[in-house]
Amino acid sequence: MPLTLAAIGISHIVKRIGGNAYTRQFLETLGFIVGSTVTIISENHGNIIVGVKDSRIAISKEIAQKIII
């Protein structure tokens, strides 16, 4: 399921990263790597704050839909 459907506060494992090569590379530089653990911290007006690798990252809903957990 895409990251946008995950519940707030529950940890999930990244299974796949979709999108074109640029989008996948961008997400990898942010720490979204297959096998890594991600947690949705909060959601605000379509933007999502995600905890990944001991940091918090804000991403748009469109980008979050490309992260499959």
PDB file of N, CA and C in Angstrom:
ATOM      1  N   MET A   1       0.842  -1.172   0.000  1.00  0.00           N
ATOM      2  CA  MET A   1       0.000   0.000   0.000  1.00  0.00           C
ATOM      3  C   MET A   1       0.890   1.240   0.000  1.00  0.00           C
ATOM      4  N   PRO A   2       0.422   2.341  -0.552  1.00  0.00           N
ATOM      5  CA  PRO A   2       1.231   3.566  -0.555  1.00  0.00           C
ATOM      6  C   PRO A   2       1.322   4.175   0.843  1.00  0.00           C
ATOM      7  N   LEU A   3       2.355   4.938   1.061  1.00  0.00           N
ATOM      8  CA  LEU A   3       2.597   5.566   2.358  1.00  0.00           C
ATOM      9  C   LEU A   3       1.450   6.476   2.774  1.00  0.00           C
ATOM     10  N   THR A   4       0.722   7.024   1.827  1.00  0.00           N
ATOM     11  CA  THR A   4      -0.383   7.935   2.148  1.00  0.00           C
ATOM     12  C   THR A   4      -1.510   7.241   2.913  1.00  0.00           C
ATOM     13  N   LEU A   5      -1.605   5.907   2.821  1.00  0.00           N
ATOM     14  CA  LEU A   5      -2.669   5.181   3.503  1.00  0.00           C
ATOM     15  C   LEU A   5      -2.253   4.671   4.877  1.00  0.00           C
ATOM     16  N   ALA A   6      -1.016   4.893   5.280  1.00  0.00           N
ATOM     17  CA  ALA A   6      -0.522   4.405   6.564  1.00  0.00           C
ATOM     18  C   ALA A   6      -1.075   5.242   7.712  1.00  0.00           C
ATOM     19  N   ALA A   7      -1.214   4.590   8.851  1.00  0.00           N
ATOM     20  CA  ALA A   7      -1.692   5.288  10.049  1.00  0.00           C
ATOM     21  C   ALA A   7      -0.549   6.078  10.679  1.00  0.00           C
ATOM     22  N   ILE A   8      -0.904   7.137  11.357  1.00  0.00           N
ATOM     23  CA  ILE A   8       0.082   7.986  12.022  1.00  0.00           C
ATOM     24  C   ILE A   8       0.641   7.254  13.247  1.00  0.00           C
ATOM     25  N   GLY A   9       1.955   7.276  13.378  1.00  0.00           N
ATOM     26  CA  GLY A   9       2.616   6.717  14.545  1.00  0.00           C
ATOM     27  C   GLY A   9       3.018   5.260  14.456  1.00  0.00           C
ATOM     28  N   ILE A  10       2.695   4.580  13.369  1.00  0.00           N
ATOM     29  CA  ILE A  10       3.044   3.170  13.220  1.00  0.00           C
ATOM     30  C   ILE A  10       4.197   3.042  12.242  1.00  0.00           C
ATOM     31  N   SER A  11       5.206   2.260  12.616  1.00  0.00           N
ATOM     32  CA  SER A  11       6.372   2.064  11.756  1.00  0.00           C
ATOM     33  C   SER A  11       6.063   1.060  10.652  1.00  0.00           C
ATOM     34  N   HIS A  12       6.602   1.322   9.479  1.00  0.00           N
ATOM     35  CA  HIS A  12       6.431   0.449   8.319  1.00  0.00           C
ATOM     36  C   HIS A  12       7.776   0.285   7.617  1.00  0.00           C
ATOM     37  N   ILE A  13       7.906  -0.794   6.869  1.00  0.00           N
ATOM     38  CA  ILE A  13       9.107  -1.059   6.085  1.00  0.00           C
ATOM     39  C   ILE A  13       8.831  -0.665   4.636  1.00  0.00           C
ATOM     40  N   VAL A  14       9.764   0.039   4.005  1.00  0.00           N
ATOM     41  CA  VAL A  14       9.628   0.414   2.598  1.00  0.00           C
ATOM     42  C   VAL A  14       9.849  -0.828   1.745  1.00  0.00           C
ATOM     43  N   LYS A  15       8.879  -1.153   0.909  1.00  0.00           N
ATOM     44  CA  LYS A  15       8.956  -2.333   0.041  1.00  0.00           C
ATOM     45  C   LYS A  15       9.428  -1.971  -1.369  1.00  0.00           C
ATOM     46  N   ARG A  16       8.996  -0.797  -1.849  1.00  0.00           N
ATOM     47  CA  ARG A  16       9.325  -0.399  -3.225  1.00  0.00           C
ATOM     48  C   ARG A  16       9.195   1.104  -3.357  1.00  0.00           C
ATOM     49  N   ILE A  17       9.988   1.669  -4.253  1.00  0.00           N
ATOM     50  CA  ILE A  17       9.905   3.096  -4.581  1.00  0.00           C
ATOM     51  C   ILE A  17       9.513   3.194  -6.051  1.00  0.00           C
ATOM     52  N   GLY A  18       8.405   3.871  -6.326  1.00  0.00           N
ATOM     53  CA  GLY A  18       7.944   4.027  -7.699  1.00  0.00           C
ATOM     54  C   GLY A  18       8.387   5.355  -8.289  1.00  0.00           C
ATOM     55  N   GLY A  19       7.921   5.616  -9.493  1.00  0.00           N
ATOM     56  CA  GLY A  19       8.234   6.869 -10.167  1.00  0.00           C
ATOM     57  C   GLY A  19       9.380   6.716 -11.143  1.00  0.00           C
ATOM     58  N   ASN A  20       9.754   7.837 -11.748  1.00  0.00           N
ATOM     59  CA  ASN A  20      10.852   7.806 -12.715  1.00  0.00           C
ATOM     60  C   ASN A  20      12.198   7.766 -11.986  1.00  0.00           C
ATOM     61  N   ALA A  21      13.268   7.659 -12.723  1.00  0.00           N
ATOM     62  CA  ALA A  21      14.605   7.519 -12.138  1.00  0.00           C
ATOM     63  C   ALA A  21      14.966   8.726 -11.271  1.00  0.00           C
ATOM     64  N   TYR A  22      14.601   9.925 -11.699  1.00  0.00           N
ATOM     65  CA  TYR A  22      14.905  11.132 -10.920  1.00  0.00           C
ATOM     66  C   TYR A  22      14.194  11.094  -9.569  1.00  0.00           C
ATOM     67  N   THR A  23      12.921  10.704  -9.564  1.00  0.00           N
ATOM     68  CA  THR A  23      12.150  10.651  -8.324  1.00  0.00           C
ATOM     69  C   THR A  23      12.718   9.603  -7.371  1.00  0.00           C
ATOM     70  N   ARG A  24      13.060   8.440  -7.897  1.00  0.00           N
ATOM     71  CA  ARG A  24      13.641   7.390  -7.059  1.00  0.00           C
ATOM     72  C   ARG A  24      14.969   7.842  -6.455  1.00  0.00           C
ATOM     73  N   GLN A  25      15.804   8.490  -7.246  1.00  0.00           N
ATOM     74  CA  GLN A  25      17.091   8.987  -6.752  1.00  0.00           C
ATOM     75  C   GLN A  25      16.885  10.056  -5.675  1.00  0.00           C
ATOM     76  N   PHE A  26      15.927  10.947  -5.907  1.00  0.00           N
ATOM     77  CA  PHE A  26      15.620  11.992  -4.931  1.00  0.00           C
ATOM     78  C   PHE A  26      15.194  11.387  -3.596  1.00  0.00           C
ATOM     79  N   LEU A  27      14.306  10.407  -3.637  1.00  0.00           N
ATOM     80  CA  LEU A  27      13.833   9.775  -2.412  1.00  0.00           C
ATOM     81  C   LEU A  27      14.946   8.998  -1.710  1.00  0.00           C
ATOM     82  N   GLU A  28      15.832   8.387  -2.488  1.00  0.00           N
ATOM     83  CA  GLU A  28      16.957   7.673  -1.879  1.00  0.00           C
ATOM     84  C   GLU A  28      17.893   8.631  -1.154  1.00  0.00           C
ATOM     85  N   THR A  29      18.102   9.817  -1.699  1.00  0.00           N
ATOM     86  CA  THR A  29      18.970  10.781  -1.022  1.00  0.00           C
ATOM     87  C   THR A  29      18.340  11.293   0.272  1.00  0.00           C
ATOM     88  N   LEU A  30      17.009  11.253   0.359  1.00  0.00           N
ATOM     89  CA  LEU A  30      16.323  11.635   1.587  1.00  0.00           C
ATOM     90  C   LEU A  30      16.332  10.527   2.630  1.00  0.00           C
ATOM     91  N   GLY A  31      16.662   9.290   2.209  1.00  0.00           N
ATOM     92  CA  GLY A  31      16.723   8.171   3.137  1.00  0.00           C
ATOM     93  C   GLY A  31      15.659   7.123   2.928  1.00  0.00           C
ATOM     94  N   PHE A  32      14.804   7.289   1.923  1.00  0.00           N
ATOM     95  CA  PHE A  32      13.769   6.305   1.631  1.00  0.00           C
ATOM     96  C   PHE A  32      14.370   5.202   0.766  1.00  0.00           C
ATOM     97  N   ILE A  33      14.903   4.180   1.413  1.00  0.00           N
ATOM     98  CA  ILE A  33      15.566   3.084   0.738  1.00  0.00           C
ATOM     99  C   ILE A  33      14.774   1.813   1.022  1.00  0.00           C
ATOM    100  N   VAL A  34      14.667   0.931   0.040  1.00  0.00           N
ATOM    101  CA  VAL A  34      13.950  -0.328   0.230  1.00  0.00           C
ATOM    102  C   VAL A  34      14.543  -1.056   1.430  1.00  0.00           C
ATOM    103  N   GLY A  35      13.680  -1.440   2.361  1.00  0.00           N
ATOM    104  CA  GLY A  35      14.104  -2.113   3.577  1.00  0.00           C
ATOM    105  C   GLY A  35      14.230  -1.198   4.778  1.00  0.00           C
ATOM    106  N   SER A  36      14.192   0.117   4.565  1.00  0.00           N
ATOM    107  CA  SER A  36      14.303   1.052   5.690  1.00  0.00           C
ATOM    108  C   SER A  36      12.944   1.203   6.382  1.00  0.00           C
ATOM    109  N   THR A  37      12.992   1.656   7.619  1.00  0.00           N
ATOM    110  CA  THR A  37      11.782   1.851   8.418  1.00  0.00           C
ATOM    111  C   THR A  37      11.357   3.313   8.354  1.00  0.00           C
ATOM    112  N   VAL A  38      10.064   3.527   8.120  1.00  0.00           N
ATOM    113  CA  VAL A  38       9.503   4.881   8.072  1.00  0.00           C
ATOM    114  C   VAL A  38       8.288   4.956   8.987  1.00  0.00           C
ATOM    115  N   THR A  39       8.063   6.133   9.559  1.00  0.00           N
ATOM    116  CA  THR A  39       6.916   6.364  10.434  1.00  0.00           C
ATOM    117  C   THR A  39       6.305   7.711  10.086  1.00  0.00           C
ATOM    118  N   ILE A  40       5.002   7.742   9.889  1.00  0.00           N
ATOM    119  CA  ILE A  40       4.322   9.018   9.655  1.00  0.00           C
ATOM    120  C   ILE A  40       4.155   9.698  11.003  1.00  0.00           C
ATOM    121  N   ILE A  41       4.694  10.897  11.115  1.00  0.00           N
ATOM    122  CA  ILE A  41       4.626  11.657  12.359  1.00  0.00           C
ATOM    123  C   ILE A  41       3.369  12.516  12.387  1.00  0.00           C
ATOM    124  N   SER A  42       3.080  13.194  11.274  1.00  0.00           N
ATOM    125  CA  SER A  42       1.856  13.989  11.192  1.00  0.00           C
ATOM    126  C   SER A  42       1.500  14.243   9.736  1.00  0.00           C
ATOM    127  N   GLU A  43       0.269  14.696   9.555  1.00  0.00           N
ATOM    128  CA  GLU A  43      -0.223  15.036   8.220  1.00  0.00           C
ATOM    129  C   GLU A  43      -0.906  16.383   8.322  1.00  0.00           C
ATOM    130  N   ASN A  44      -0.572  17.287   7.387  1.00  0.00           N
ATOM    131  CA  ASN A  44      -1.086  18.635   7.459  1.00  0.00           C
ATOM    132  C   ASN A  44      -1.379  19.160   6.058  1.00  0.00           C
ATOM    133  N   HIS A  45      -2.642  19.319   5.725  1.00  0.00           N
ATOM    134  CA  HIS A  45      -3.079  19.876   4.440  1.00  0.00           C
ATOM    135  C   HIS A  45      -2.454  19.158   3.249  1.00  0.00           C
ATOM    136  N   GLY A  46      -2.388  17.838   3.309  1.00  0.00           N
ATOM    137  CA  GLY A  46      -1.852  17.077   2.191  1.00  0.00           C
ATOM    138  C   GLY A  46      -0.370  16.799   2.272  1.00  0.00           C
ATOM    139  N   ASN A  47       0.361  17.555   3.070  1.00  0.00           N
ATOM    140  CA  ASN A  47       1.778  17.283   3.261  1.00  0.00           C
ATOM    141  C   ASN A  47       1.940  16.314   4.424  1.00  0.00           C
ATOM    142  N   ILE A  48       2.965  15.485   4.344  1.00  0.00           N
ATOM    143  CA  ILE A  48       3.177  14.457   5.346  1.00  0.00           C
ATOM    144  C   ILE A  48       4.570  14.635   5.942  1.00  0.00           C
ATOM    145  N   ILE A  49       4.658  14.582   7.257  1.00  0.00           N
ATOM    146  CA  ILE A  49       5.957  14.598   7.925  1.00  0.00           C
ATOM    147  C   ILE A  49       6.275  13.165   8.306  1.00  0.00           C
ATOM    148  N   VAL A  50       7.411  12.696   7.800  1.00  0.00           N
ATOM    149  CA  VAL A  50       7.798  11.297   7.958  1.00  0.00           C
ATOM    150  C   VAL A  50       9.099  11.209   8.738  1.00  0.00           C
ATOM    151  N   GLY A  51       9.156  10.274   9.664  1.00  0.00           N
ATOM    152  CA  GLY A  51      10.389   9.990  10.374  1.00  0.00           C
ATOM    153  C   GLY A  51      11.137   8.885   9.649  1.00  0.00           C
ATOM    154  N   VAL A  52      12.347   9.180   9.213  1.00  0.00           N
ATOM    155  CA  VAL A  52      13.175   8.193   8.525  1.00  0.00           C
ATOM    156  C   VAL A  52      14.628   8.437   8.925  1.00  0.00           C
ATOM    157  N   LYS A  53      15.303   7.379   9.329  1.00  0.00           N
ATOM    158  CA  LYS A  53      16.721   7.461   9.724  1.00  0.00           C
ATOM    159  C   LYS A  53      16.984   8.561  10.746  1.00  0.00           C
ATOM    160  N   ASP A  54      16.248   8.574  11.831  1.00  0.00           N
ATOM    161  CA  ASP A  54      16.423   9.531  12.931  1.00  0.00           C
ATOM    162  C   ASP A  54      16.276  10.990  12.513  1.00  0.00           C
ATOM    163  N   SER A  55      15.526  11.259  11.462  1.00  0.00           N
ATOM    164  CA  SER A  55      15.252  12.639  11.066  1.00  0.00           C
ATOM    165  C   SER A  55      13.800  12.750  10.611  1.00  0.00           C
ATOM    166  N   ARG A  56      13.334  13.972  10.533  1.00  0.00           N
ATOM    167  CA  ARG A  56      11.959  14.237  10.076  1.00  0.00           C
ATOM    168  C   ARG A  56      12.024  14.934   8.736  1.00  0.00           C
ATOM    169  N   ILE A  57      11.229  14.427   7.806  1.00  0.00           N
ATOM    170  CA  ILE A  57      11.234  14.956   6.451  1.00  0.00           C
ATOM    171  C   ILE A  57       9.796  15.244   6.041  1.00  0.00           C
ATOM    172  N   ALA A  58       9.553  16.424   5.481  1.00  0.00           N
ATOM    173  CA  ALA A  58       8.233  16.777   4.972  1.00  0.00           C
ATOM    174  C   ALA A  58       8.198  16.498   3.480  1.00  0.00           C
ATOM    175  N   ILE A  59       7.199  15.722   3.055  1.00  0.00           N
ATOM    176  CA  ILE A  59       7.029  15.407   1.635  1.00  0.00           C
ATOM    177  C   ILE A  59       5.579  15.644   1.247  1.00  0.00           C
ATOM    178  N   SER A  60       5.361  15.858  -0.031  1.00  0.00           N
ATOM    179  CA  SER A  60       4.003  16.078  -0.517  1.00  0.00           C
ATOM    180  C   SER A  60       3.271  14.744  -0.638  1.00  0.00           C
ATOM    181  N   LYS A  61       1.968  14.835  -0.743  1.00  0.00           N
ATOM    182  CA  LYS A  61       1.148  13.637  -0.887  1.00  0.00           C
ATOM    183  C   LYS A  61       1.474  12.899  -2.187  1.00  0.00           C
ATOM    184  N   GLU A  62       1.772  13.646  -3.245  1.00  0.00           N
ATOM    185  CA  GLU A  62       2.099  13.031  -4.530  1.00  0.00           C
ATOM    186  C   GLU A  62       3.379  12.195  -4.437  1.00  0.00           C
ATOM    187  N   ILE A  63       4.364  12.705  -3.735  1.00  0.00           N
ATOM    188  CA  ILE A  63       5.614  11.957  -3.553  1.00  0.00           C
ATOM    189  C   ILE A  63       5.395  10.767  -2.636  1.00  0.00           C
ATOM    190  N   ALA A  64       4.601  10.948  -1.586  1.00  0.00           N
ATOM    191  CA  ALA A  64       4.331   9.862  -0.640  1.00  0.00           C
ATOM    192  C   ALA A  64       3.621   8.694  -1.304  1.00  0.00           C
ATOM    193  N   GLN A  65       2.835   8.960  -2.345  1.00  0.00           N
ATOM    194  CA  GLN A  65       2.134   7.884  -3.038  1.00  0.00           C
ATOM    195  C   GLN A  65       3.100   6.981  -3.815  1.00  0.00           C
ATOM    196  N   LYS A  66       4.292   7.439  -4.077  1.00  0.00           N
ATOM    197  CA  LYS A  66       5.283   6.651  -4.803  1.00  0.00           C
ATOM    198  C   LYS A  66       6.069   5.718  -3.871  1.00  0.00           C
ATOM    199  N   ILE A  67       5.900   5.889  -2.556  1.00  0.00           N
ATOM    200  CA  ILE A  67       6.592   5.048  -1.589  1.00  0.00           C
ATOM    201  C   ILE A  67       5.628   3.938  -1.166  1.00  0.00           C
ATOM    202  N   ILE A  68       5.972   2.707  -1.499  1.00  0.00           N
ATOM    203  CA  ILE A  68       5.111   1.557  -1.199  1.00  0.00           C
ATOM    204  C   ILE A  68       5.632   0.864   0.058  1.00  0.00           C
ATOM    205  N   ILE A  69       4.729   0.662   1.010  1.00  0.00           N
ATOM    206  CA  ILE A  69       5.117   0.007   2.253  1.00  0.00           C
ATOM    207  C   ILE A  69       4.442  -1.349   2.383  1.00  0.00           C
TER     208      ILE A  69
END
